[in-house]
Protein backbone atom coordinates (compact mmCIF):
# COMPACT_ATOMS: atom_id res chain seq x y z
CA UNK A 1 8.36 -36.32 13.26
CA UNK A 2 12.22 -35.51 14.64
CA UNK A 3 14.98 -35.50 12.18
CA UNK A 4 16.33 -38.51 13.50
CA UNK A 5 13.50 -40.22 12.17
CA UNK A 6 13.33 -38.48 9.43
CA UNK A 7 17.13 -39.91 8.25
CA UNK A 8 15.78 -43.72 9.08
CA UNK A 9 12.71 -43.10 7.27
CA UNK A 10 14.82 -42.07 4.42
CA UNK A 11 17.55 -44.84 4.61
CA UNK A 12 15.35 -47.24 4.01
CA UNK A 13 13.97 -44.98 1.00
CA UNK A 14 17.13 -44.52 -1.25
CA UNK A 15 17.88 -48.78 -2.24
CA UNK A 16 14.05 -48.40 -3.68
CA UNK A 17 15.29 -44.55 -5.50
CA UNK A 18 18.89 -46.22 -6.17
CA UNK A 19 16.80 -48.39 -8.38
CA UNK A 20 15.14 -46.17 -10.31
CA UNK A 21 18.07 -43.75 -10.69
CA UNK A 22 18.14 -42.46 -14.57
CA UNK A 23 13.55 -43.36 -14.45
CA UNK A 24 11.79 -40.28 -14.62
CA UNK A 25 9.23 -39.85 -10.79
CA UNK A 26 5.54 -40.41 -12.23
CA UNK A 27 7.24 -43.49 -14.35
CA UNK A 28 8.89 -44.98 -11.41
CA UNK A 29 4.91 -43.70 -8.72
CA UNK A 30 3.66 -45.97 -11.67
CA UNK A 31 5.78 -49.10 -11.59
CA UNK A 32 5.48 -48.91 -7.41
CA UNK A 33 1.58 -48.39 -8.24
CA UNK A 34 1.82 -52.21 -10.48
CA UNK A 35 4.29 -53.93 -8.19
CA UNK A 36 1.62 -53.34 -5.04
CA UNK A 37 -1.56 -53.88 -6.89
CA UNK A 38 -0.38 -56.73 -8.52
CA UNK A 39 0.35 -57.92 -4.63
CA UNK A 40 -2.02 -60.15 -3.75
CA UNK A 41 -1.25 -60.24 -0.26
CA UNK A 42 -0.46 -55.96 0.97
CA UNK A 43 2.16 -56.78 3.62
CA UNK A 44 1.37 -55.02 7.17
CA UNK A 45 3.20 -52.18 8.22
CA UNK A 46 4.98 -53.22 10.83
CA UNK A 47 5.36 -51.59 14.36
CA UNK A 48 6.55 -49.13 15.91
CA UNK A 49 9.96 -49.88 17.39
CA UNK A 50 9.47 -48.58 20.41
CA UNK A 51 11.90 -45.48 22.27
CA UNK A 52 14.84 -47.05 23.31
CA UNK A 53 16.56 -44.52 25.55
CA UNK A 54 20.45 -43.31 26.49
CA UNK A 55 21.00 -46.30 28.43
CA UNK A 56 19.69 -48.94 26.30
CA UNK A 57 21.55 -47.23 23.42
CA UNK A 58 24.98 -48.13 24.25
CA UNK A 59 24.48 -52.42 25.03
CA UNK A 60 25.69 -53.38 21.59
CA UNK A 61 24.10 -57.71 19.69
CA UNK A 62 28.78 -57.58 18.77
CA UNK A 63 30.47 -60.41 20.97
CA UNK A 64 33.09 -57.58 21.62
CA UNK A 65 33.96 -55.15 23.74
CA UNK A 66 34.59 -51.86 23.24
CA UNK A 67 35.67 -50.54 26.35
CA UNK A 68 38.85 -52.94 26.11
CA UNK A 69 39.57 -51.97 22.87
CA UNK A 70 38.84 -48.39 23.04
CA UNK A 71 41.47 -48.68 26.10
CA UNK A 72 43.90 -50.94 23.65
CA UNK A 73 43.71 -47.93 20.72
CA UNK A 74 43.54 -44.34 23.20
CA UNK A 75 47.82 -44.52 23.28
CA UNK A 76 48.25 -45.96 19.83
CA UNK A 77 49.01 -43.29 16.56
CA UNK A 78 46.51 -42.96 14.03
CA UNK A 79 49.03 -45.10 12.30
CA UNK A 80 48.63 -47.96 14.89
CA UNK A 81 45.09 -47.90 15.26
CA UNK A 82 44.48 -48.09 11.86
CA UNK A 83 46.21 -51.42 11.28
CA UNK A 84 44.70 -52.48 14.94
CA UNK A 85 41.02 -51.67 14.18
CA UNK A 86 40.81 -53.38 10.12
CA UNK A 87 40.73 -56.79 12.27
CA UNK A 88 37.77 -56.04 13.15
CA UNK A 89 33.81 -56.42 11.06
CA UNK A 90 32.05 -53.29 10.13
CA UNK A 91 29.10 -53.95 13.57
CA UNK A 92 31.89 -54.01 15.37
CA UNK A 93 33.30 -51.06 14.14
CA UNK A 94 29.80 -49.17 14.22
CA UNK A 95 29.81 -50.64 18.11
CA UNK A 96 33.08 -48.78 18.65
CA UNK A 97 31.82 -45.83 17.40
CA UNK A 98 28.76 -45.34 19.39
CA UNK A 99 30.60 -46.29 22.81
CA UNK A 100 33.38 -42.97 21.88
CA UNK A 101 30.07 -41.34 20.50
CA UNK A 102 30.89 -41.43 16.03
CA UNK A 103 27.83 -41.57 14.99
CA UNK A 104 28.92 -44.23 11.74
CA UNK A 105 26.19 -45.42 9.39
CA UNK A 106 26.69 -49.79 8.18
CA UNK A 107 26.63 -47.95 4.89
CA UNK A 108 29.89 -46.53 4.84
CA UNK A 109 33.29 -48.71 3.57
CA UNK A 110 34.90 -50.56 6.22
CA UNK A 111 38.47 -48.58 5.65
CA UNK A 112 36.29 -44.84 6.40
CA UNK A 113 35.20 -46.31 9.74
CA UNK A 114 38.65 -47.34 11.01
CA UNK A 115 39.94 -43.97 9.34
CA UNK A 116 37.07 -41.92 11.60
CA UNK A 117 38.03 -43.64 14.49
CA UNK A 118 41.86 -42.77 14.18
CA UNK A 119 41.34 -39.48 13.40
CA UNK A 120 39.49 -39.14 16.53
CA UNK A 121 41.64 -40.30 18.86
CA UNK A 122 44.38 -38.56 16.30
CA UNK A 123 43.17 -36.02 17.60
CA UNK A 124 42.38 -36.09 21.12
CA UNK A 125 46.24 -37.08 21.14
CA UNK A 126 47.12 -34.31 18.89
CA UNK A 127 44.30 -31.20 21.41
CA UNK A 128 46.89 -32.63 24.71
CA UNK A 129 49.88 -31.78 23.08
CA UNK A 130 48.62 -28.99 21.92
CA UNK A 131 46.99 -28.07 25.38
CA UNK A 132 51.10 -29.50 27.59
CA UNK A 133 53.15 -27.77 25.21
CA UNK A 134 51.58 -24.11 26.38
CA UNK A 135 51.87 -25.30 29.44
CA UNK A 136 55.41 -25.50 29.26
CA UNK A 137 55.52 -22.24 27.13
CA UNK A 138 54.27 -20.20 30.27
CA UNK A 139 57.05 -21.94 32.42
CA UNK A 140 59.18 -20.94 29.89
CA UNK A 141 57.95 -17.46 29.75
């Protein structure tokens, strides 16, 4: 099992654990066993998802064009990026984040997703400014 698969499994387990947050583990397992035992028709395990390649991961189910959005916010400052991204839904923000190489999670709040994308672009702009400043200083020395 790869670490990514384990992370996916743990994310599925998290809501169950939150239901039993203030209960001992043994009591939780007993309760789950009782519920499963009383279930008249056990559910079949779902079929494993086929492994996707990196080219398949770039396509999203949303109707937005991430490339156009990214090109629009590349030159904006952090505050303007934040205001610009507020009109998008969480799924769309996650798609934008994946397009630029950020690993955003759906369970995060919308403000956190927007902040992560805005920080990404502001750091890129800061790095460019620092790189240009060093060139300018070398010229004058």
